[in-house]
Amino acid sequence: MHAEESQDEAPARVPMTAESIAAATVGEVPRLDGQVTLREYDSRWPEAFAREAARIRAALDATPHELEHAGSTSVPGLTAKPIVDMVLTVPDPGDEEAYVPALERIGFRLAIREPEWYEHRVLRKQDLGPGADSANLHVFPRGCAEVTRMLLFRDRLRAHRDDRDLYARTKQALAARTWTYAQNYADAKSDVVAEIMERAAREG
């Protein structure tokens, strides 16, 4: 069964434990053991996305795919880690041979594998150039509900300053705390993300 045929059966995302982080990580688990560094919005972030997107599209020319800029670096005016989040959809993320080798040739490496959650994969690339330290390339199946959610959240923050400011304040407060893993910081934002998404659903 292809990933897109079973995507609705994937479990809801829950905060990850040290054990689940280790299980999903390819290779050694990177520890943070400190605070998260945020930067003011940088207009070079979308430029970094555009450069990498062109390389990815060329590398995957023979593979059906779609690519979007997501995460905080995709929202003008929003403070963020200088890490460009990208969302790639392919027919079946579980078929790694169909896309991972091509992405490795342009500097990405497979970092996370979560087959039980929409067949999610993450590939990372360092040294993106001016303004952006690295990139996280999230891979999901076509038509994935999580991709829809991520892009709706991005578009909500782009269009609604109050929600964007709320999210920024939450991020800044959480970033000042000490975290064992970066994923712990990401999971701690879940409540405010849910609040914003509920408001978006009510308002259409």
N, C-alpha and C. Protein backbone atom coordinates (compact mmCIF):
# COMPACT_ATOMS: atom_id res chain seq x y z
N MET A 1 0.85 -1.21 0.00
CA MET A 1 0.00 0.00 0.00
C MET A 1 0.87 1.24 0.00
N HIS A 2 0.58 2.16 -0.90
CA HIS A 2 1.35 3.40 -0.96
C HIS A 2 1.00 4.30 0.22
N ALA A 3 1.94 5.19 0.54
CA ALA A 3 1.77 6.04 1.72
C ALA A 3 0.52 6.89 1.63
N GLU A 4 0.20 7.42 0.42
CA GLU A 4 -0.93 8.31 0.33
C GLU A 4 -2.25 7.58 0.53
N GLU A 5 -2.26 6.25 0.39
CA GLU A 5 -3.48 5.48 0.54
C GLU A 5 -3.83 5.24 2.01
N SER A 6 -2.84 5.38 2.90
CA SER A 6 -3.07 5.07 4.31
C SER A 6 -2.81 6.25 5.23
N GLN A 7 -2.63 7.43 4.66
CA GLN A 7 -2.20 8.58 5.46
C GLN A 7 -3.19 8.94 6.55
N ASP A 8 -4.52 8.78 6.32
CA ASP A 8 -5.50 9.18 7.31
C ASP A 8 -5.46 8.29 8.55
N GLU A 9 -4.78 7.15 8.47
CA GLU A 9 -4.70 6.25 9.60
C GLU A 9 -3.54 6.59 10.52
N ALA A 10 -2.72 7.55 10.15
CA ALA A 10 -1.57 7.90 10.98
C ALA A 10 -2.04 8.48 12.31
N PRO A 11 -1.35 8.15 13.41
CA PRO A 11 -1.76 8.67 14.72
C PRO A 11 -1.47 10.16 14.85
N ALA A 12 -2.18 10.80 15.77
CA ALA A 12 -1.93 12.21 16.04
C ALA A 12 -0.54 12.37 16.62
N ARG A 13 0.06 13.51 16.34
CA ARG A 13 1.39 13.79 16.85
C ARG A 13 1.34 14.02 18.36
N VAL A 14 2.24 13.41 19.10
CA VAL A 14 2.33 13.60 20.54
C VAL A 14 3.75 14.03 20.87
N PRO A 15 3.96 14.71 22.02
CA PRO A 15 5.33 15.09 22.40
C PRO A 15 6.25 13.88 22.43
N MET A 16 7.44 14.05 21.91
CA MET A 16 8.37 12.93 21.80
C MET A 16 9.20 12.77 23.08
N THR A 17 9.42 11.53 23.46
CA THR A 17 10.28 11.21 24.59
C THR A 17 11.71 11.06 24.10
N ALA A 18 12.65 10.94 25.03
CA ALA A 18 14.04 10.70 24.64
C ALA A 18 14.14 9.41 23.83
N GLU A 19 13.36 8.40 24.21
CA GLU A 19 13.40 7.12 23.52
C GLU A 19 12.85 7.24 22.09
N SER A 20 11.74 7.96 21.92
CA SER A 20 11.17 8.09 20.59
C SER A 20 12.03 8.98 19.70
N ILE A 21 12.68 9.98 20.28
CA ILE A 21 13.61 10.80 19.50
C ILE A 21 14.77 9.95 19.00
N ALA A 22 15.31 9.10 19.87
CA ALA A 22 16.42 8.23 19.48
C ALA A 22 15.99 7.24 18.41
N ALA A 23 14.77 6.70 18.55
CA ALA A 23 14.29 5.72 17.58
C ALA A 23 14.10 6.33 16.19
N ALA A 24 13.70 7.60 16.14
CA ALA A 24 13.46 8.26 14.85
C ALA A 24 14.72 8.80 14.20
N THR A 25 15.77 8.99 14.98
CA THR A 25 16.99 9.63 14.48
C THR A 25 17.87 8.64 13.73
N VAL A 26 18.35 9.07 12.58
CA VAL A 26 19.30 8.28 11.80
C VAL A 26 20.70 8.70 12.23
N GLY A 27 21.41 7.81 12.91
CA GLY A 27 22.73 8.14 13.43
C GLY A 27 22.64 8.65 14.85
N GLU A 28 23.63 9.42 15.25
CA GLU A 28 23.70 9.92 16.62
C GLU A 28 22.66 11.03 16.85
N VAL A 29 22.05 10.99 18.03
CA VAL A 29 21.03 11.98 18.37
C VAL A 29 21.71 13.29 18.77
N PRO A 30 21.44 14.39 18.06
CA PRO A 30 22.05 15.68 18.44
C PRO A 30 21.36 16.25 19.68
N ARG A 31 22.12 16.61 20.67
CA ARG A 31 21.58 17.20 21.90
C ARG A 31 21.73 18.71 21.85
N LEU A 32 20.78 19.39 22.46
CA LEU A 32 20.85 20.85 22.57
C LEU A 32 21.44 21.24 23.91
N ASP A 33 20.89 20.71 24.99
CA ASP A 33 21.37 20.98 26.36
C ASP A 33 21.60 22.49 26.58
N GLY A 34 20.62 23.26 26.21
CA GLY A 34 20.75 24.71 26.37
C GLY A 34 19.52 25.42 25.85
N GLN A 35 19.69 26.69 25.58
CA GLN A 35 18.60 27.52 25.08
C GLN A 35 18.57 27.52 23.56
N VAL A 36 17.45 27.93 23.02
CA VAL A 36 17.28 28.04 21.57
C VAL A 36 17.60 29.47 21.14
N THR A 37 18.40 29.61 20.10
CA THR A 37 18.77 30.93 19.60
C THR A 37 17.80 31.36 18.49
N LEU A 38 17.09 32.45 18.72
CA LEU A 38 16.20 33.01 17.73
C LEU A 38 16.80 34.28 17.14
N ARG A 39 16.45 34.56 15.90
CA ARG A 39 16.90 35.79 15.26
C ARG A 39 15.69 36.56 14.72
N GLU A 40 15.87 37.85 14.57
CA GLU A 40 14.84 38.64 13.93
C GLU A 40 14.69 38.20 12.47
N TYR A 41 13.51 38.43 11.92
CA TYR A 41 13.26 38.00 10.54
C TYR A 41 14.33 38.55 9.59
N ASP A 42 14.76 37.70 8.68
CA ASP A 42 15.82 38.05 7.73
C ASP A 42 15.29 37.80 6.32
N SER A 43 15.30 38.84 5.49
CA SER A 43 14.79 38.71 4.12
C SER A 43 15.61 37.75 3.29
N ARG A 44 16.77 37.33 3.78
CA ARG A 44 17.57 36.35 3.04
C ARG A 44 17.04 34.93 3.21
N TRP A 45 16.13 34.71 4.16
CA TRP A 45 15.60 33.35 4.34
C TRP A 45 14.82 32.88 3.11
N PRO A 46 13.86 33.65 2.58
CA PRO A 46 13.20 33.19 1.36
C PRO A 46 14.15 33.06 0.18
N GLU A 47 15.21 33.86 0.17
CA GLU A 47 16.21 33.73 -0.89
C GLU A 47 16.95 32.40 -0.77
N ALA A 48 17.27 32.01 0.46
CA ALA A 48 17.92 30.72 0.68
C ALA A 48 17.00 29.58 0.26
N PHE A 49 15.71 29.71 0.59
CA PHE A 49 14.75 28.69 0.15
C PHE A 49 14.73 28.59 -1.37
N ALA A 50 14.67 29.72 -2.04
CA ALA A 50 14.59 29.73 -3.50
C ALA A 50 15.80 29.05 -4.13
N ARG A 51 16.99 29.31 -3.57
CA ARG A 51 18.20 28.67 -4.11
C ARG A 51 18.13 27.15 -3.94
N GLU A 52 17.78 26.70 -2.72
CA GLU A 52 17.73 25.26 -2.47
C GLU A 52 16.60 24.61 -3.23
N ALA A 53 15.47 25.30 -3.35
CA ALA A 53 14.33 24.74 -4.09
C ALA A 53 14.70 24.48 -5.54
N ALA A 54 15.45 25.37 -6.15
CA ALA A 54 15.88 25.17 -7.53
C ALA A 54 16.76 23.94 -7.65
N ARG A 55 17.66 23.75 -6.68
CA ARG A 55 18.54 22.57 -6.71
C ARG A 55 17.75 21.28 -6.51
N ILE A 56 16.80 21.33 -5.57
CA ILE A 56 15.99 20.14 -5.28
C ILE A 56 15.14 19.76 -6.50
N ARG A 57 14.51 20.75 -7.09
CA ARG A 57 13.66 20.46 -8.25
C ARG A 57 14.47 19.89 -9.41
N ALA A 58 15.68 20.39 -9.58
CA ALA A 58 16.52 19.85 -10.64
C ALA A 58 16.95 18.42 -10.31
N ALA A 59 17.29 18.17 -9.05
CA ALA A 59 17.73 16.82 -8.65
C ALA A 59 16.61 15.80 -8.76
N LEU A 60 15.37 16.23 -8.52
CA LEU A 60 14.22 15.32 -8.54
C LEU A 60 13.39 15.48 -9.81
N ASP A 61 14.03 15.90 -10.87
CA ASP A 61 13.32 16.17 -12.12
C ASP A 61 12.50 14.98 -12.60
N ALA A 62 12.98 13.76 -12.35
CA ALA A 62 12.28 12.56 -12.83
C ALA A 62 11.28 12.01 -11.83
N THR A 63 11.17 12.65 -10.66
CA THR A 63 10.28 12.18 -9.60
C THR A 63 9.15 13.17 -9.40
N PRO A 64 7.89 12.74 -9.49
CA PRO A 64 6.78 13.68 -9.22
C PRO A 64 6.89 14.23 -7.80
N HIS A 65 6.82 15.53 -7.67
CA HIS A 65 6.99 16.13 -6.35
C HIS A 65 6.44 17.55 -6.31
N GLU A 66 6.20 18.04 -5.10
CA GLU A 66 5.86 19.44 -4.85
C GLU A 66 6.71 19.92 -3.69
N LEU A 67 7.02 21.20 -3.68
CA LEU A 67 7.92 21.75 -2.67
C LEU A 67 7.41 23.10 -2.20
N GLU A 68 7.39 23.30 -0.87
CA GLU A 68 6.90 24.55 -0.29
C GLU A 68 7.85 25.02 0.81
N HIS A 69 7.92 26.33 1.00
CA HIS A 69 8.63 26.94 2.12
C HIS A 69 7.65 26.98 3.29
N ALA A 70 8.02 26.44 4.43
CA ALA A 70 7.14 26.40 5.60
C ALA A 70 7.92 26.83 6.83
N GLY A 71 7.29 26.73 8.00
CA GLY A 71 7.97 27.09 9.23
C GLY A 71 8.11 28.60 9.38
N SER A 72 8.76 29.00 10.46
CA SER A 72 8.82 30.42 10.81
C SER A 72 9.61 31.26 9.82
N THR A 73 10.61 30.68 9.14
CA THR A 73 11.37 31.48 8.18
C THR A 73 10.56 31.83 6.95
N SER A 74 9.37 31.22 6.81
CA SER A 74 8.51 31.52 5.66
C SER A 74 7.50 32.62 5.95
N VAL A 75 7.54 33.16 7.18
CA VAL A 75 6.55 34.17 7.59
C VAL A 75 7.26 35.51 7.78
N PRO A 76 7.07 36.47 6.89
CA PRO A 76 7.73 37.77 7.03
C PRO A 76 7.41 38.42 8.38
N GLY A 77 8.46 38.92 9.04
CA GLY A 77 8.31 39.60 10.31
C GLY A 77 8.38 38.72 11.54
N LEU A 78 8.48 37.41 11.34
CA LEU A 78 8.46 36.49 12.48
C LEU A 78 9.88 36.11 12.90
N THR A 79 10.16 36.22 14.20
CA THR A 79 11.45 35.75 14.72
C THR A 79 11.55 34.24 14.55
N ALA A 80 12.76 33.75 14.33
CA ALA A 80 12.91 32.32 14.04
C ALA A 80 14.34 31.86 14.25
N LYS A 81 14.50 30.55 14.38
CA LYS A 81 15.84 29.98 14.25
C LYS A 81 16.25 30.13 12.79
N PRO A 82 17.52 30.35 12.50
CA PRO A 82 17.94 30.53 11.11
C PRO A 82 18.06 29.20 10.37
N ILE A 83 16.98 28.43 10.45
CA ILE A 83 16.91 27.11 9.81
C ILE A 83 15.71 27.12 8.87
N VAL A 84 15.95 26.93 7.59
CA VAL A 84 14.89 27.00 6.60
C VAL A 84 14.15 25.67 6.53
N ASP A 85 12.86 25.69 6.88
CA ASP A 85 12.05 24.48 6.78
C ASP A 85 11.39 24.42 5.42
N MET A 86 11.53 23.27 4.79
CA MET A 86 10.93 23.02 3.48
C MET A 86 10.09 21.76 3.58
N VAL A 87 9.00 21.73 2.82
CA VAL A 87 8.11 20.57 2.81
C VAL A 87 8.08 20.01 1.39
N LEU A 88 8.50 18.76 1.27
CA LEU A 88 8.55 18.06 -0.01
C LEU A 88 7.53 16.94 0.01
N THR A 89 6.70 16.85 -1.02
CA THR A 89 5.82 15.70 -1.15
C THR A 89 6.24 14.87 -2.34
N VAL A 90 6.23 13.56 -2.13
CA VAL A 90 6.58 12.58 -3.17
C VAL A 90 5.53 11.48 -3.12
N PRO A 91 5.46 10.61 -4.14
CA PRO A 91 4.44 9.56 -4.13
C PRO A 91 4.52 8.64 -2.91
N ASP A 92 5.72 8.26 -2.51
CA ASP A 92 5.87 7.33 -1.39
C ASP A 92 7.19 7.61 -0.66
N PRO A 93 7.16 8.34 0.46
CA PRO A 93 8.39 8.62 1.20
C PRO A 93 9.11 7.37 1.68
N GLY A 94 8.37 6.27 1.85
CA GLY A 94 9.00 5.02 2.27
C GLY A 94 9.94 4.44 1.22
N ASP A 95 9.76 4.83 -0.03
CA ASP A 95 10.65 4.41 -1.11
C ASP A 95 11.82 5.38 -1.17
N GLU A 96 12.74 5.26 -0.24
CA GLU A 96 13.83 6.23 -0.11
C GLU A 96 14.75 6.25 -1.32
N GLU A 97 14.88 5.11 -1.98
CA GLU A 97 15.76 5.05 -3.15
C GLU A 97 15.27 5.96 -4.29
N ALA A 98 14.00 6.32 -4.24
CA ALA A 98 13.44 7.15 -5.31
C ALA A 98 13.85 8.61 -5.21
N TYR A 99 14.33 9.03 -4.03
CA TYR A 99 14.65 10.45 -3.88
C TYR A 99 15.86 10.75 -2.99
N VAL A 100 16.16 9.91 -2.00
CA VAL A 100 17.25 10.22 -1.07
C VAL A 100 18.61 10.30 -1.77
N PRO A 101 19.00 9.32 -2.61
CA PRO A 101 20.32 9.43 -3.26
C PRO A 101 20.48 10.71 -4.07
N ALA A 102 19.42 11.12 -4.76
CA ALA A 102 19.50 12.35 -5.56
C ALA A 102 19.70 13.57 -4.66
N LEU A 103 19.06 13.57 -3.50
CA LEU A 103 19.20 14.69 -2.58
C LEU A 103 20.56 14.66 -1.88
N GLU A 104 21.07 13.49 -1.62
CA GLU A 104 22.40 13.38 -1.03
C GLU A 104 23.46 13.97 -1.96
N ARG A 105 23.26 13.84 -3.24
CA ARG A 105 24.24 14.37 -4.20
C ARG A 105 24.29 15.90 -4.20
N ILE A 106 23.26 16.55 -3.64
CA ILE A 106 23.30 18.02 -3.56
C ILE A 106 23.47 18.49 -2.11
N GLY A 107 23.95 17.58 -1.26
CA GLY A 107 24.37 18.00 0.07
C GLY A 107 23.44 17.69 1.22
N PHE A 108 22.29 17.06 0.96
CA PHE A 108 21.39 16.69 2.05
C PHE A 108 21.77 15.32 2.61
N ARG A 109 21.40 15.09 3.88
CA ARG A 109 21.58 13.77 4.47
C ARG A 109 20.32 13.39 5.24
N LEU A 110 19.98 12.13 5.20
CA LEU A 110 18.81 11.64 5.91
C LEU A 110 19.06 11.70 7.40
N ALA A 111 18.17 12.38 8.15
CA ALA A 111 18.38 12.58 9.58
C ALA A 111 17.28 11.96 10.44
N ILE A 112 16.06 11.90 9.94
CA ILE A 112 14.93 11.40 10.71
C ILE A 112 14.07 10.49 9.84
N ARG A 113 13.63 9.39 10.44
CA ARG A 113 12.76 8.44 9.74
C ARG A 113 11.62 8.07 10.69
N GLU A 114 10.38 8.43 10.33
CA GLU A 114 9.20 8.15 11.14
C GLU A 114 8.12 7.48 10.29
N PRO A 115 8.28 6.20 9.98
CA PRO A 115 7.32 5.54 9.09
C PRO A 115 5.91 5.46 9.64
N GLU A 116 5.77 5.48 10.98
CA GLU A 116 4.45 5.37 11.59
C GLU A 116 3.67 6.68 11.56
N TRP A 117 4.30 7.78 11.20
CA TRP A 117 3.65 9.09 11.18
C TRP A 117 3.74 9.66 9.77
N TYR A 118 2.77 9.30 8.94
CA TYR A 118 2.70 9.75 7.55
C TYR A 118 3.97 9.42 6.75
N GLU A 119 4.71 8.38 7.15
CA GLU A 119 5.97 8.03 6.46
C GLU A 119 6.95 9.23 6.44
N HIS A 120 6.91 10.04 7.47
CA HIS A 120 7.70 11.26 7.53
C HIS A 120 9.20 10.97 7.52
N ARG A 121 9.91 11.70 6.68
CA ARG A 121 11.37 11.71 6.67
C ARG A 121 11.84 13.15 6.77
N VAL A 122 13.03 13.36 7.34
CA VAL A 122 13.66 14.68 7.33
C VAL A 122 15.08 14.51 6.83
N LEU A 123 15.44 15.33 5.86
CA LEU A 123 16.82 15.42 5.40
C LEU A 123 17.33 16.80 5.77
N ARG A 124 18.60 16.88 6.14
CA ARG A 124 19.17 18.15 6.56
C ARG A 124 20.37 18.51 5.69
N LYS A 125 20.56 19.82 5.58
CA LYS A 125 21.71 20.35 4.85
C LYS A 125 22.27 21.52 5.63
N GLN A 126 23.58 21.57 5.76
CA GLN A 126 24.26 22.63 6.48
C GLN A 126 24.78 23.70 5.51
N ASP A 127 25.13 24.86 6.07
CA ASP A 127 25.81 25.92 5.31
C ASP A 127 25.02 26.34 4.07
N LEU A 128 23.83 26.86 4.30
CA LEU A 128 23.00 27.28 3.17
C LEU A 128 23.45 28.59 2.55
N GLY A 129 24.29 29.32 3.26
CA GLY A 129 24.74 30.59 2.71
C GLY A 129 24.32 31.74 3.61
N PRO A 130 24.44 32.97 3.14
CA PRO A 130 24.17 34.15 3.97
C PRO A 130 22.80 34.10 4.64
N GLY A 131 22.80 34.29 5.95
CA GLY A 131 21.55 34.41 6.69
C GLY A 131 20.93 33.15 7.20
N ALA A 132 21.20 32.02 6.58
CA ALA A 132 20.57 30.76 6.96
C ALA A 132 21.63 29.73 7.30
N ASP A 133 21.54 29.19 8.51
CA ASP A 133 22.55 28.21 8.94
C ASP A 133 22.38 26.87 8.26
N SER A 134 21.12 26.42 8.13
CA SER A 134 20.87 25.08 7.61
C SER A 134 19.44 24.97 7.10
N ALA A 135 19.10 23.78 6.60
CA ALA A 135 17.75 23.51 6.12
C ALA A 135 17.27 22.18 6.66
N ASN A 136 15.97 22.12 6.97
CA ASN A 136 15.28 20.88 7.27
C ASN A 136 14.30 20.62 6.13
N LEU A 137 14.47 19.51 5.45
CA LEU A 137 13.58 19.14 4.35
C LEU A 137 12.66 18.02 4.83
N HIS A 138 11.40 18.38 5.11
CA HIS A 138 10.41 17.41 5.58
C HIS A 138 9.78 16.73 4.37
N VAL A 139 9.73 15.41 4.38
CA VAL A 139 9.19 14.66 3.25
C VAL A 139 7.93 13.93 3.70
N PHE A 140 6.85 14.14 2.95
CA PHE A 140 5.56 13.52 3.23
C PHE A 140 4.97 12.99 1.92
N PRO A 141 3.94 12.15 2.01
CA PRO A 141 3.27 11.70 0.79
C PRO A 141 2.37 12.78 0.21
N ARG A 142 2.07 12.65 -1.07
CA ARG A 142 1.15 13.59 -1.72
C ARG A 142 -0.21 13.53 -1.04
N GLY A 143 -0.83 14.69 -0.88
CA GLY A 143 -2.15 14.75 -0.28
C GLY A 143 -2.17 14.58 1.22
N CYS A 144 -1.02 14.69 1.86
CA CYS A 144 -0.90 14.42 3.29
C CYS A 144 -1.60 15.51 4.11
N ALA A 145 -2.38 15.07 5.12
CA ALA A 145 -3.09 16.02 5.98
C ALA A 145 -2.13 16.91 6.76
N GLU A 146 -0.97 16.39 7.12
CA GLU A 146 -0.01 17.19 7.89
C GLU A 146 0.56 18.32 7.05
N VAL A 147 0.76 18.09 5.78
CA VAL A 147 1.24 19.16 4.90
C VAL A 147 0.19 20.27 4.81
N THR A 148 -1.07 19.87 4.65
CA THR A 148 -2.16 20.85 4.63
C THR A 148 -2.15 21.69 5.91
N ARG A 149 -1.99 21.02 7.06
CA ARG A 149 -1.97 21.72 8.34
C ARG A 149 -0.80 22.70 8.42
N MET A 150 0.39 22.28 8.01
CA MET A 150 1.56 23.13 8.08
C MET A 150 1.40 24.38 7.22
N LEU A 151 0.84 24.20 6.04
CA LEU A 151 0.71 25.35 5.14
C LEU A 151 -0.42 26.27 5.57
N LEU A 152 -1.48 25.71 6.15
CA LEU A 152 -2.54 26.56 6.69
C LEU A 152 -2.03 27.41 7.85
N PHE A 153 -1.19 26.81 8.69
CA PHE A 153 -0.62 27.55 9.81
C PHE A 153 0.28 28.67 9.29
N ARG A 154 1.12 28.36 8.31
CA ARG A 154 1.97 29.39 7.70
C ARG A 154 1.13 30.54 7.15
N ASP A 155 0.09 30.21 6.40
CA ASP A 155 -0.73 31.24 5.78
C ASP A 155 -1.50 32.06 6.81
N ARG A 156 -1.92 31.41 7.90
CA ARG A 156 -2.60 32.14 8.98
C ARG A 156 -1.66 33.17 9.59
N LEU A 157 -0.42 32.78 9.87
CA LEU A 157 0.52 33.73 10.47
C LEU A 157 0.89 34.85 9.51
N ARG A 158 0.95 34.54 8.24
CA ARG A 158 1.25 35.59 7.26
C ARG A 158 0.14 36.64 7.20
N ALA A 159 -1.10 36.20 7.39
CA ALA A 159 -2.25 37.08 7.19
C ALA A 159 -2.77 37.75 8.45
N HIS A 160 -2.40 37.24 9.64
CA HIS A 160 -2.97 37.74 10.89
C HIS A 160 -1.87 38.14 11.86
N ARG A 161 -1.68 39.42 12.01
CA ARG A 161 -0.59 39.92 12.84
C ARG A 161 -0.76 39.52 14.31
N ASP A 162 -1.99 39.51 14.82
CA ASP A 162 -2.20 39.16 16.23
C ASP A 162 -1.70 37.75 16.52
N ASP A 163 -2.04 36.82 15.64
CA ASP A 163 -1.59 35.44 15.84
C ASP A 163 -0.08 35.32 15.64
N ARG A 164 0.44 36.07 14.70
CA ARG A 164 1.89 36.06 14.49
C ARG A 164 2.62 36.58 15.72
N ASP A 165 2.12 37.65 16.31
CA ASP A 165 2.75 38.20 17.51
C ASP A 165 2.61 37.26 18.70
N LEU A 166 1.45 36.61 18.84
CA LEU A 166 1.27 35.63 19.90
C LEU A 166 2.27 34.50 19.77
N TYR A 167 2.42 34.00 18.56
CA TYR A 167 3.36 32.91 18.32
C TYR A 167 4.79 33.36 18.61
N ALA A 168 5.14 34.57 18.21
CA ALA A 168 6.49 35.09 18.46
C ALA A 168 6.76 35.20 19.95
N ARG A 169 5.80 35.72 20.72
CA ARG A 169 5.99 35.84 22.16
C ARG A 169 6.16 34.47 22.82
N THR A 170 5.39 33.51 22.37
CA THR A 170 5.49 32.15 22.91
C THR A 170 6.86 31.56 22.61
N LYS A 171 7.30 31.71 21.38
CA LYS A 171 8.61 31.19 20.99
C LYS A 171 9.73 31.82 21.82
N GLN A 172 9.66 33.13 22.01
CA GLN A 172 10.71 33.82 22.76
C GLN A 172 10.75 33.36 24.21
N ALA A 173 9.57 33.16 24.81
CA ALA A 173 9.53 32.68 26.20
C ALA A 173 10.08 31.27 26.31
N LEU A 174 9.72 30.41 25.38
CA LEU A 174 10.21 29.03 25.42
C LEU A 174 11.69 28.95 25.09
N ALA A 175 12.15 29.81 24.18
CA ALA A 175 13.56 29.77 23.78
C ALA A 175 14.49 30.12 24.93
N ALA A 176 13.98 30.88 25.90
CA ALA A 176 14.80 31.28 27.05
C ALA A 176 14.99 30.15 28.05
N ARG A 177 14.23 29.07 27.90
CA ARG A 177 14.37 27.93 28.79
C ARG A 177 15.46 26.99 28.28
N THR A 178 15.86 26.07 29.12
CA THR A 178 16.89 25.08 28.75
C THR A 178 16.21 23.79 28.32
N TRP A 179 16.65 23.26 27.17
CA TRP A 179 16.06 22.05 26.61
C TRP A 179 17.13 21.00 26.34
N THR A 180 16.78 19.75 26.56
CA THR A 180 17.72 18.67 26.26
C THR A 180 17.87 18.48 24.76
N TYR A 181 16.73 18.48 24.07
CA TYR A 181 16.72 18.30 22.61
C TYR A 181 15.92 19.44 21.97
N ALA A 182 16.27 19.80 20.76
CA ALA A 182 15.52 20.82 20.04
C ALA A 182 14.07 20.40 19.85
N GLN A 183 13.82 19.10 19.73
CA GLN A 183 12.46 18.60 19.56
C GLN A 183 11.60 18.93 20.78
N ASN A 184 12.20 18.95 21.97
CA ASN A 184 11.43 19.30 23.17
C ASN A 184 10.88 20.73 23.05
N TYR A 185 11.70 21.63 22.55
CA TYR A 185 11.26 23.02 22.33
C TYR A 185 10.14 23.06 21.29
N ALA A 186 10.29 22.30 20.22
CA ALA A 186 9.26 22.28 19.18
C ALA A 186 7.94 21.75 19.74
N ASP A 187 8.01 20.68 20.53
CA ASP A 187 6.79 20.10 21.09
C ASP A 187 6.11 21.06 22.07
N ALA A 188 6.89 21.88 22.77
CA ALA A 188 6.32 22.80 23.76
C ALA A 188 5.47 23.88 23.11
N LYS A 189 5.59 24.07 21.81
CA LYS A 189 4.80 25.06 21.11
C LYS A 189 3.44 24.53 20.67
N SER A 190 3.18 23.25 20.92
CA SER A 190 1.97 22.59 20.39
C SER A 190 0.68 23.27 20.82
N ASP A 191 0.60 23.69 22.08
CA ASP A 191 -0.65 24.27 22.58
C ASP A 191 -0.99 25.57 21.86
N VAL A 192 -0.01 26.44 21.67
CA VAL A 192 -0.31 27.71 21.00
C VAL A 192 -0.59 27.48 19.52
N VAL A 193 0.07 26.50 18.92
CA VAL A 193 -0.23 26.16 17.52
C VAL A 193 -1.68 25.70 17.41
N ALA A 194 -2.10 24.82 18.32
CA ALA A 194 -3.49 24.32 18.31
C ALA A 194 -4.48 25.46 18.50
N GLU A 195 -4.16 26.39 19.40
CA GLU A 195 -5.04 27.54 19.64
C GLU A 195 -5.22 28.36 18.37
N ILE A 196 -4.12 28.63 17.68
CA ILE A 196 -4.18 29.44 16.46
C ILE A 196 -4.94 28.70 15.36
N MET A 197 -4.70 27.39 15.25
CA MET A 197 -5.39 26.61 14.23
C MET A 197 -6.89 26.52 14.50
N GLU A 198 -7.28 26.42 15.75
CA GLU A 198 -8.70 26.40 16.09
C GLU A 198 -9.36 27.72 15.71
N ARG A 199 -8.66 28.82 15.95
CA ARG A 199 -9.19 30.13 15.59
C ARG A 199 -9.32 30.24 14.07
N ALA A 200 -8.35 29.73 13.36
CA ALA A 200 -8.40 29.76 11.90
C ALA A 200 -9.58 28.94 11.38
N ALA A 201 -9.84 27.79 12.02
CA ALA A 201 -10.96 26.95 11.59
C ALA A 201 -12.31 27.64 11.83
N ARG A 202 -12.42 28.34 12.95
CA ARG A 202 -13.67 29.03 13.27
C ARG A 202 -13.95 30.18 12.30
N GLU A 203 -12.88 30.87 11.94
CA GLU A 203 -13.03 32.06 11.12
C GLU A 203 -13.00 31.75 9.62
N GLY A 204 -12.68 30.50 9.31
CA GLY A 204 -12.63 30.11 7.90
C GLY A 204 -11.44 30.65 7.20
